[in-house]
PDB file of N, CA and C in Angstrom:
ATOM      1  N   UNK A   1     -20.116   2.971  -5.851  1.00  0.00           N
ATOM      2  CA  UNK A   1     -20.857   1.765  -5.578  1.00  0.00           C
ATOM      3  C   UNK A   1     -21.186   1.722  -4.092  1.00  0.00           C
ATOM      4  N   UNK A   2     -22.398   1.406  -3.787  1.00  0.00           N
ATOM      5  CA  UNK A   2     -22.852   1.271  -2.411  1.00  0.00           C
ATOM      6  C   UNK A   2     -23.178  -0.192  -2.164  1.00  0.00           C
ATOM      7  N   UNK A   3     -22.650  -0.718  -1.057  1.00  0.00           N
ATOM      8  CA  UNK A   3     -22.922  -2.102  -0.708  1.00  0.00           C
ATOM      9  C   UNK A   3     -24.168  -2.130   0.153  1.00  0.00           C
ATOM     10  N   UNK A   4     -25.177  -2.860  -0.317  1.00  0.00           N
ATOM     11  CA  UNK A   4     -26.469  -2.854   0.362  1.00  0.00           C
ATOM     12  C   UNK A   4     -26.720  -4.099   1.201  1.00  0.00           C
ATOM     13  N   UNK A   5     -26.083  -5.198   0.856  1.00  0.00           N
ATOM     14  CA  UNK A   5     -26.336  -6.430   1.601  1.00  0.00           C
ATOM     15  C   UNK A   5     -25.040  -6.979   2.185  1.00  0.00           C
ATOM     16  N   UNK A   6     -25.180  -7.842   3.172  1.00  0.00           N
ATOM     17  CA  UNK A   6     -24.011  -8.486   3.771  1.00  0.00           C
ATOM     18  C   UNK A   6     -23.259  -9.310   2.730  1.00  0.00           C
ATOM     19  N   UNK A   7     -23.995  -9.916   1.818  1.00  0.00           N
ATOM     20  CA  UNK A   7     -23.368 -10.732   0.781  1.00  0.00           C
ATOM     21  C   UNK A   7     -22.485  -9.870  -0.127  1.00  0.00           C
ATOM     22  N   UNK A   8     -22.948  -8.667  -0.477  1.00  0.00           N
ATOM     23  CA  UNK A   8     -22.149  -7.765  -1.298  1.00  0.00           C
ATOM     24  C   UNK A   8     -20.881  -7.337  -0.558  1.00  0.00           C
ATOM     25  N   UNK A   9     -21.005  -7.095   0.738  1.00  0.00           N
ATOM     26  CA  UNK A   9     -19.849  -6.709   1.543  1.00  0.00           C
ATOM     27  C   UNK A   9     -18.842  -7.859   1.604  1.00  0.00           C
ATOM     28  N   UNK A  10     -19.337  -9.074   1.839  1.00  0.00           N
ATOM     29  CA  UNK A  10     -18.458 -10.253   1.890  1.00  0.00           C
ATOM     30  C   UNK A  10     -17.731 -10.447   0.561  1.00  0.00           C
ATOM     31  N   UNK A  11     -18.460 -10.316  -0.544  1.00  0.00           N
ATOM     32  CA  UNK A  11     -17.847 -10.473  -1.865  1.00  0.00           C
ATOM     33  C   UNK A  11     -16.780  -9.408  -2.095  1.00  0.00           C
ATOM     34  N   UNK A  12     -17.077  -8.164  -1.702  1.00  0.00           N
ATOM     35  CA  UNK A  12     -16.111  -7.073  -1.877  1.00  0.00           C
ATOM     36  C   UNK A  12     -14.863  -7.315  -1.042  1.00  0.00           C
ATOM     37  N   UNK A  13     -15.040  -7.746   0.207  1.00  0.00           N
ATOM     38  CA  UNK A  13     -13.881  -8.012   1.067  1.00  0.00           C
ATOM     39  C   UNK A  13     -13.031  -9.150   0.514  1.00  0.00           C
ATOM     40  N   UNK A  14     -13.679 -10.195   0.016  1.00  0.00           N
ATOM     41  CA  UNK A  14     -12.935 -11.310  -0.584  1.00  0.00           C
ATOM     42  C   UNK A  14     -12.147 -10.843  -1.806  1.00  0.00           C
ATOM     43  N   UNK A  15     -12.766 -10.032  -2.639  1.00  0.00           N
ATOM     44  CA  UNK A  15     -12.096  -9.525  -3.829  1.00  0.00           C
ATOM     45  C   UNK A  15     -10.948  -8.583  -3.453  1.00  0.00           C
ATOM     46  N   UNK A  16     -11.150  -7.777  -2.400  1.00  0.00           N
ATOM     47  CA  UNK A  16     -10.087  -6.882  -1.936  1.00  0.00           C
ATOM     48  C   UNK A  16      -8.895  -7.693  -1.423  1.00  0.00           C
ATOM     49  N   UNK A  17      -9.158  -8.800  -0.723  1.00  0.00           N
ATOM     50  CA  UNK A  17      -8.066  -9.647  -0.239  1.00  0.00           C
ATOM     51  C   UNK A  17      -7.308 -10.281  -1.397  1.00  0.00           C
ATOM     52  N   UNK A  18      -8.014 -10.627  -2.470  1.00  0.00           N
ATOM     53  CA  UNK A  18      -7.346 -11.164  -3.653  1.00  0.00           C
ATOM     54  C   UNK A  18      -6.455 -10.101  -4.282  1.00  0.00           C
ATOM     55  N   UNK A  19      -6.927  -8.846  -4.311  1.00  0.00           N
ATOM     56  CA  UNK A  19      -6.171  -7.747  -4.917  1.00  0.00           C
ATOM     57  C   UNK A  19      -4.974  -7.332  -4.080  1.00  0.00           C
ATOM     58  N   UNK A  20      -5.195  -7.147  -2.776  1.00  0.00           N
ATOM     59  CA  UNK A  20      -4.208  -6.496  -1.923  1.00  0.00           C
ATOM     60  C   UNK A  20      -3.547  -7.412  -0.904  1.00  0.00           C
ATOM     61  N   UNK A  21      -4.000  -8.647  -0.789  1.00  0.00           N
ATOM     62  CA  UNK A  21      -3.459  -9.519   0.248  1.00  0.00           C
ATOM     63  C   UNK A  21      -4.212  -9.298   1.553  1.00  0.00           C
ATOM     64  N   UNK A  22      -3.547  -9.552   2.663  1.00  0.00           N
ATOM     65  CA  UNK A  22      -4.170  -9.391   3.968  1.00  0.00           C
ATOM     66  C   UNK A  22      -4.540  -7.933   4.198  1.00  0.00           C
ATOM     67  N   UNK A  23      -5.778  -7.696   4.578  1.00  0.00           N
ATOM     68  CA  UNK A  23      -6.261  -6.332   4.791  1.00  0.00           C
ATOM     69  C   UNK A  23      -5.975  -5.882   6.216  1.00  0.00           C
ATOM     70  N   UNK A  24      -5.699  -4.580   6.403  1.00  0.00           N
ATOM     71  CA  UNK A  24      -5.498  -4.078   7.762  1.00  0.00           C
ATOM     72  C   UNK A  24      -6.811  -4.067   8.531  1.00  0.00           C
ATOM     73  N   UNK A  25      -6.726  -4.205   9.840  1.00  0.00           N
ATOM     74  CA  UNK A  25      -7.912  -4.166  10.695  1.00  0.00           C
ATOM     75  C   UNK A  25      -8.508  -2.757  10.637  1.00  0.00           C
ATOM     76  N   UNK A  26      -9.773  -2.619  10.226  1.00  0.00           N
ATOM     77  CA  UNK A  26     -10.365  -1.281  10.095  1.00  0.00           C
ATOM     78  C   UNK A  26     -10.471  -0.532  11.420  1.00  0.00           C
ATOM     79  N   UNK A  27     -10.525  -1.247  12.542  1.00  0.00           N
ATOM     80  CA  UNK A  27     -10.602  -0.571  13.841  1.00  0.00           C
ATOM     81  C   UNK A  27      -9.237  -0.051  14.283  1.00  0.00           C
ATOM     82  N   UNK A  28      -8.181  -0.788  13.952  1.00  0.00           N
ATOM     83  CA  UNK A  28      -6.833  -0.381  14.355  1.00  0.00           C
ATOM     84  C   UNK A  28      -6.175   0.551  13.343  1.00  0.00           C
ATOM     85  N   UNK A  29      -6.484   0.372  12.062  1.00  0.00           N
ATOM     86  CA  UNK A  29      -5.873   1.151  10.986  1.00  0.00           C
ATOM     87  C   UNK A  29      -6.950   1.687  10.049  1.00  0.00           C
ATOM     88  N   UNK A  30      -7.812   2.578  10.534  1.00  0.00           N
ATOM     89  CA  UNK A  30      -8.937   3.034   9.711  1.00  0.00           C
ATOM     90  C   UNK A  30      -8.510   3.775   8.449  1.00  0.00           C
ATOM     91  N   UNK A  31      -7.437   4.551   8.506  1.00  0.00           N
ATOM     92  CA  UNK A  31      -7.000   5.293   7.312  1.00  0.00           C
ATOM     93  C   UNK A  31      -6.469   4.345   6.243  1.00  0.00           C
ATOM     94  N   UNK A  32      -5.682   3.372   6.643  1.00  0.00           N
ATOM     95  CA  UNK A  32      -5.141   2.400   5.688  1.00  0.00           C
ATOM     96  C   UNK A  32      -6.261   1.580   5.062  1.00  0.00           C
ATOM     97  N   UNK A  33      -7.193   1.136   5.893  1.00  0.00           N
ATOM     98  CA  UNK A  33      -8.312   0.354   5.378  1.00  0.00           C
ATOM     99  C   UNK A  33      -9.169   1.201   4.443  1.00  0.00           C
ATOM    100  N   UNK A  34      -9.446   2.432   4.841  1.00  0.00           N
ATOM    101  CA  UNK A  34     -10.243   3.339   3.999  1.00  0.00           C
ATOM    102  C   UNK A  34      -9.584   3.603   2.664  1.00  0.00           C
ATOM    103  N   UNK A  35      -8.254   3.744   2.668  1.00  0.00           N
ATOM    104  CA  UNK A  35      -7.524   3.952   1.417  1.00  0.00           C
ATOM    105  C   UNK A  35      -7.702   2.757   0.488  1.00  0.00           C
ATOM    106  N   UNK A  36      -7.583   1.545   1.038  1.00  0.00           N
ATOM    107  CA  UNK A  36      -7.744   0.360   0.205  1.00  0.00           C
ATOM    108  C   UNK A  36      -9.170   0.230  -0.318  1.00  0.00           C
ATOM    109  N   UNK A  37     -10.161   0.630   0.469  1.00  0.00           N
ATOM    110  CA  UNK A  37     -11.553   0.601  -0.005  1.00  0.00           C
ATOM    111  C   UNK A  37     -11.714   1.571  -1.179  1.00  0.00           C
ATOM    112  N   UNK A  38     -11.159   2.782  -1.035  1.00  0.00           N
ATOM    113  CA  UNK A  38     -11.254   3.764  -2.132  1.00  0.00           C
ATOM    114  C   UNK A  38     -10.524   3.263  -3.376  1.00  0.00           C
ATOM    115  N   UNK A  39      -9.343   2.659  -3.179  1.00  0.00           N
ATOM    116  CA  UNK A  39      -8.598   2.125  -4.313  1.00  0.00           C
ATOM    117  C   UNK A  39      -9.358   0.980  -4.973  1.00  0.00           C
ATOM    118  N   UNK A  40      -9.974   0.124  -4.172  1.00  0.00           N
ATOM    119  CA  UNK A  40     -10.774  -0.977  -4.706  1.00  0.00           C
ATOM    120  C   UNK A  40     -11.943  -0.436  -5.533  1.00  0.00           C
ATOM    121  N   UNK A  41     -12.652   0.561  -4.991  1.00  0.00           N
ATOM    122  CA  UNK A  41     -13.786   1.131  -5.719  1.00  0.00           C
ATOM    123  C   UNK A  41     -13.334   1.780  -7.023  1.00  0.00           C
ATOM    124  N   UNK A  42     -12.172   2.434  -6.987  1.00  0.00           N
ATOM    125  CA  UNK A  42     -11.640   3.066  -8.199  1.00  0.00           C
ATOM    126  C   UNK A  42     -11.323   2.003  -9.254  1.00  0.00           C
ATOM    127  N   UNK A  43     -10.632   0.946  -8.839  1.00  0.00           N
ATOM    128  CA  UNK A  43     -10.288  -0.112  -9.785  1.00  0.00           C
ATOM    129  C   UNK A  43     -11.538  -0.828 -10.296  1.00  0.00           C
ATOM    130  N   UNK A  44     -12.546  -0.973  -9.439  1.00  0.00           N
ATOM    131  CA  UNK A  44     -13.806  -1.589  -9.843  1.00  0.00           C
ATOM    132  C   UNK A  44     -14.507  -0.721 -10.889  1.00  0.00           C
ATOM    133  N   UNK A  45     -14.501   0.595 -10.674  1.00  0.00           N
ATOM    134  CA  UNK A  45     -15.120   1.508 -11.636  1.00  0.00           C
ATOM    135  C   UNK A  45     -14.391   1.460 -12.975  1.00  0.00           C
ATOM    136  N   UNK A  46     -13.064   1.370 -12.941  1.00  0.00           N
ATOM    137  CA  UNK A  46     -12.307   1.256 -14.191  1.00  0.00           C
ATOM    138  C   UNK A  46     -12.630  -0.042 -14.909  1.00  0.00           C
ATOM    139  N   UNK A  47     -12.751  -1.126 -14.148  1.00  0.00           N
ATOM    140  CA  UNK A  47     -13.075  -2.420 -14.742  1.00  0.00           C
ATOM    141  C   UNK A  47     -14.456  -2.386 -15.386  1.00  0.00           C
ATOM    142  N   UNK A  48     -15.414  -1.760 -14.693  1.00  0.00           N
ATOM    143  CA  UNK A  48     -16.782  -1.700 -15.218  1.00  0.00           C
ATOM    144  C   UNK A  48     -16.883  -0.806 -16.443  1.00  0.00           C
ATOM    145  N   UNK A  49     -15.988   0.169 -16.559  1.00  0.00           N
ATOM    146  CA  UNK A  49     -16.016   1.043 -17.730  1.00  0.00           C
ATOM    147  C   UNK A  49     -15.156   0.473 -18.858  1.00  0.00           C
ATOM    148  N   UNK A  50     -14.708  -0.784 -18.681  1.00  0.00           N
ATOM    149  CA  UNK A  50     -13.908  -1.502 -19.682  1.00  0.00           C
ATOM    150  C   UNK A  50     -12.569  -0.836 -19.954  1.00  0.00           C
ATOM    151  N   UNK A  51     -12.041  -0.113 -18.990  1.00  0.00           N
ATOM    152  CA  UNK A  51     -10.719   0.477 -19.116  1.00  0.00           C
ATOM    153  C   UNK A  51      -9.698  -0.576 -18.737  1.00  0.00           C
ATOM    154  N   UNK A  52      -8.620  -0.596 -19.466  1.00  0.00           N
ATOM    155  CA  UNK A  52      -7.570  -1.571 -19.189  1.00  0.00           C
ATOM    156  C   UNK A  52      -6.938  -1.297 -17.833  1.00  0.00           C
ATOM    157  N   UNK A  53      -6.868  -2.332 -17.000  1.00  0.00           N
ATOM    158  CA  UNK A  53      -6.251  -2.211 -15.682  1.00  0.00           C
ATOM    159  C   UNK A  53      -5.050  -3.135 -15.644  1.00  0.00           C
ATOM    160  N   UNK A  54      -3.924  -2.575 -15.290  1.00  0.00           N
ATOM    161  CA  UNK A  54      -2.720  -3.377 -15.133  1.00  0.00           C
ATOM    162  C   UNK A  54      -2.791  -4.094 -13.784  1.00  0.00           C
ATOM    163  N   UNK A  55      -2.363  -5.342 -13.715  1.00  0.00           N
ATOM    164  CA  UNK A  55      -2.376  -6.040 -12.430  1.00  0.00           C
ATOM    165  C   UNK A  55      -1.423  -5.363 -11.450  1.00  0.00           C
ATOM    166  N   UNK A  56      -1.773  -5.431 -10.169  1.00  0.00           N
ATOM    167  CA  UNK A  56      -0.909  -4.866  -9.155  1.00  0.00           C
ATOM    168  C   UNK A  56       0.334  -5.727  -9.024  1.00  0.00           C
ATOM    169  N   UNK A  57       1.489  -5.081  -9.041  1.00  0.00           N
ATOM    170  CA  UNK A  57       2.736  -5.804  -8.834  1.00  0.00           C
ATOM    171  C   UNK A  57       2.953  -5.988  -7.347  1.00  0.00           C
ATOM    172  N   UNK A  58       3.446  -7.137  -6.992  1.00  0.00           N
ATOM    173  CA  UNK A  58       3.801  -7.354  -5.593  1.00  0.00           C
ATOM    174  C   UNK A  58       5.086  -6.577  -5.332  1.00  0.00           C
ATOM    175  N   UNK A  59       5.191  -5.929  -4.173  1.00  0.00           N
ATOM    176  CA  UNK A  59       6.401  -5.166  -3.899  1.00  0.00           C
ATOM    177  C   UNK A  59       7.621  -6.072  -3.853  1.00  0.00           C
ATOM    178  N   UNK A  60       8.694  -5.580  -4.476  1.00  0.00           N
ATOM    179  CA  UNK A  60       9.921  -6.357  -4.489  1.00  0.00           C
ATOM    180  C   UNK A  60      10.649  -6.147  -3.174  1.00  0.00           C
ATOM    181  N   UNK A  61      11.303  -7.197  -2.729  1.00  0.00           N
ATOM    182  CA  UNK A  61      12.070  -7.083  -1.497  1.00  0.00           C
ATOM    183  C   UNK A  61      13.352  -6.327  -1.801  1.00  0.00           C
ATOM    184  N   UNK A  62      13.698  -5.408  -0.924  1.00  0.00           N
ATOM    185  CA  UNK A  62      14.942  -4.669  -1.094  1.00  0.00           C
ATOM    186  C   UNK A  62      16.026  -5.357  -0.289  1.00  0.00           C
ATOM    187  N   UNK A  63      17.231  -5.261  -0.792  1.00  0.00           N
ATOM    188  CA  UNK A  63      18.339  -5.890  -0.070  1.00  0.00           C
ATOM    189  C   UNK A  63      18.752  -5.010   1.099  1.00  0.00           C
ATOM    190  N   UNK A  64      19.378  -5.605   2.081  1.00  0.00           N
ATOM    191  CA  UNK A  64      19.855  -4.860   3.236  1.00  0.00           C
ATOM    192  C   UNK A  64      20.976  -3.908   2.863  1.00  0.00           C
ATOM    193  N   UNK A  65      21.698  -4.208   1.782  1.00  0.00           N
ATOM    194  CA  UNK A  65      22.798  -3.340   1.370  1.00  0.00           C
ATOM    195  C   UNK A  65      22.305  -1.952   0.996  1.00  0.00           C
ATOM    196  N   UNK A  66      21.177  -1.877   0.308  1.00  0.00           N
ATOM    197  CA  UNK A  66      20.637  -0.588  -0.092  1.00  0.00           C
ATOM    198  C   UNK A  66      20.244   0.211   1.140  1.00  0.00           C
ATOM    199  N   UNK A  67      19.595  -0.435   2.086  1.00  0.00           N
ATOM    200  CA  UNK A  67      19.171   0.245   3.293  1.00  0.00           C
ATOM    201  C   UNK A  67      20.364   0.710   4.107  1.00  0.00           C
ATOM    202  N   UNK A  68      21.366  -0.163   4.284  1.00  0.00           N
ATOM    203  CA  UNK A  68      22.511   0.220   5.095  1.00  0.00           C
ATOM    204  C   UNK A  68      23.311   1.320   4.423  1.00  0.00           C
ATOM    205  N   UNK A  69      23.376   1.331   3.081  1.00  0.00           N
ATOM    206  CA  UNK A  69      24.069   2.399   2.380  1.00  0.00           C
ATOM    207  C   UNK A  69      23.366   3.716   2.616  1.00  0.00           C
ATOM    208  N   UNK A  70      22.044   3.713   2.550  1.00  0.00           N
ATOM    209  CA  UNK A  70      21.278   4.932   2.773  1.00  0.00           C
ATOM    210  C   UNK A  70      21.485   5.444   4.188  1.00  0.00           C
ATOM    211  N   UNK A  71      21.525   4.549   5.156  1.00  0.00           N
ATOM    212  CA  UNK A  71      21.724   4.954   6.540  1.00  0.00           C
ATOM    213  C   UNK A  71      23.131   5.526   6.711  1.00  0.00           C
ATOM    214  N   UNK A  72      24.126   4.866   6.111  1.00  0.00           N
ATOM    215  CA  UNK A  72      25.505   5.332   6.220  1.00  0.00           C
ATOM    216  C   UNK A  72      25.643   6.715   5.608  1.00  0.00           C
ATOM    217  N   UNK A  73      25.054   6.916   4.421  1.00  0.00           N
ATOM    218  CA  UNK A  73      25.143   8.221   3.767  1.00  0.00           C
ATOM    219  C   UNK A  73      24.486   9.298   4.607  1.00  0.00           C
ATOM    220  N   UNK A  74      23.317   9.025   5.186  1.00  0.00           N
ATOM    221  CA  UNK A  74      22.642  10.043   5.983  1.00  0.00           C
ATOM    222  C   UNK A  74      23.413  10.321   7.264  1.00  0.00           C
ATOM    223  N   UNK A  75      24.095   9.317   7.821  1.00  0.00           N
ATOM    224  CA  UNK A  75      24.897   9.524   9.018  1.00  0.00           C
ATOM    225  C   UNK A  75      26.081  10.433   8.711  1.00  0.00           C
ATOM    226  N   UNK A  76      26.723  10.200   7.555  1.00  0.00           N
ATOM    227  CA  UNK A  76      27.849  11.042   7.167  1.00  0.00           C
ATOM    228  C   UNK A  76      27.405  12.475   6.979  1.00  0.00           C
ATOM    229  N   UNK A  77      26.263  12.688   6.383  1.00  0.00           N
ATOM    230  CA  UNK A  77      25.745  14.042   6.181  1.00  0.00           C
ATOM    231  C   UNK A  77      25.491  14.701   7.507  1.00  0.00           C
ATOM    232  N   UNK A  78      24.929  13.966   8.481  1.00  0.00           N
ATOM    233  CA  UNK A  78      24.651  14.528   9.797  1.00  0.00           C
ATOM    234  C   UNK A  78      25.937  14.929  10.504  1.00  0.00           C
ATOM    235  N   UNK A  79      27.007  14.124  10.378  1.00  0.00           N
ATOM    236  CA  UNK A  79      28.270  14.467  11.009  1.00  0.00           C
ATOM    237  C   UNK A  79      28.849  15.725  10.392  1.00  0.00           C
ATOM    238  N   UNK A  80      28.751  15.840   9.068  1.00  0.00           N
ATOM    239  CA  UNK A  80      29.283  17.016   8.408  1.00  0.00           C
ATOM    240  C   UNK A  80      28.537  18.269   8.822  1.00  0.00           C
ATOM    241  N   UNK A  81      27.223  18.171   8.984  1.00  0.00           N
ATOM    242  CA  UNK A  81      26.450  19.357   9.333  1.00  0.00           C
ATOM    243  C   UNK A  81      26.710  19.789  10.772  1.00  0.00           C
ATOM    244  N   UNK A  82      27.113  18.846  11.648  1.00  0.00           N
ATOM    245  CA  UNK A  82      27.415  19.202  13.020  1.00  0.00           C
ATOM    246  C   UNK A  82      28.851  19.692  13.181  1.00  0.00           C
ATOM    247  N   UNK A  83      29.648  19.491  12.171  1.00  0.00           N
ATOM    248  CA  UNK A  83      31.027  19.942  12.231  1.00  0.00           C
ATOM    249  C   UNK A  83      31.942  19.000  12.991  1.00  0.00           C
ATOM    250  N   UNK A  84      31.494  17.762  13.231  1.00  0.00           N
ATOM    251  CA  UNK A  84      32.356  16.797  13.919  1.00  0.00           C
ATOM    252  C   UNK A  84      33.189  16.067  12.897  1.00  0.00           C
ATOM    253  N   UNK A  85      34.422  15.707  13.244  1.00  0.00           N
ATOM    254  CA  UNK A  85      35.275  14.992  12.284  1.00  0.00           C
ATOM    255  C   UNK A  85      34.762  13.578  12.050  1.00  0.00           C
ATOM    256  N   UNK A  86      35.034  13.057  10.848  1.00  0.00           N
ATOM    257  CA  UNK A  86      34.583  11.709  10.502  1.00  0.00           C
ATOM    258  C   UNK A  86      35.460  10.666  11.131  1.00  0.00           C
TER     259      UNK A  86
END
């Protein structure tokens, strides 16, 4: 899909914000913004071809315990590889 008018661009940006939330600044994060544009176009093409699209799930918040456990485990591995006692 090619956007030809400012109105089409505005509509696409509004729809992208509904899908993905706050969009990254295209000047500061061009790769992230470009990825979301490609994903939007892909989902739009699926919608137009009447293919079933599952709604995007909002990312679940992870607890700090999972993160701290992962950090602790990686720290222990690093100590073992250096040969220092625990």
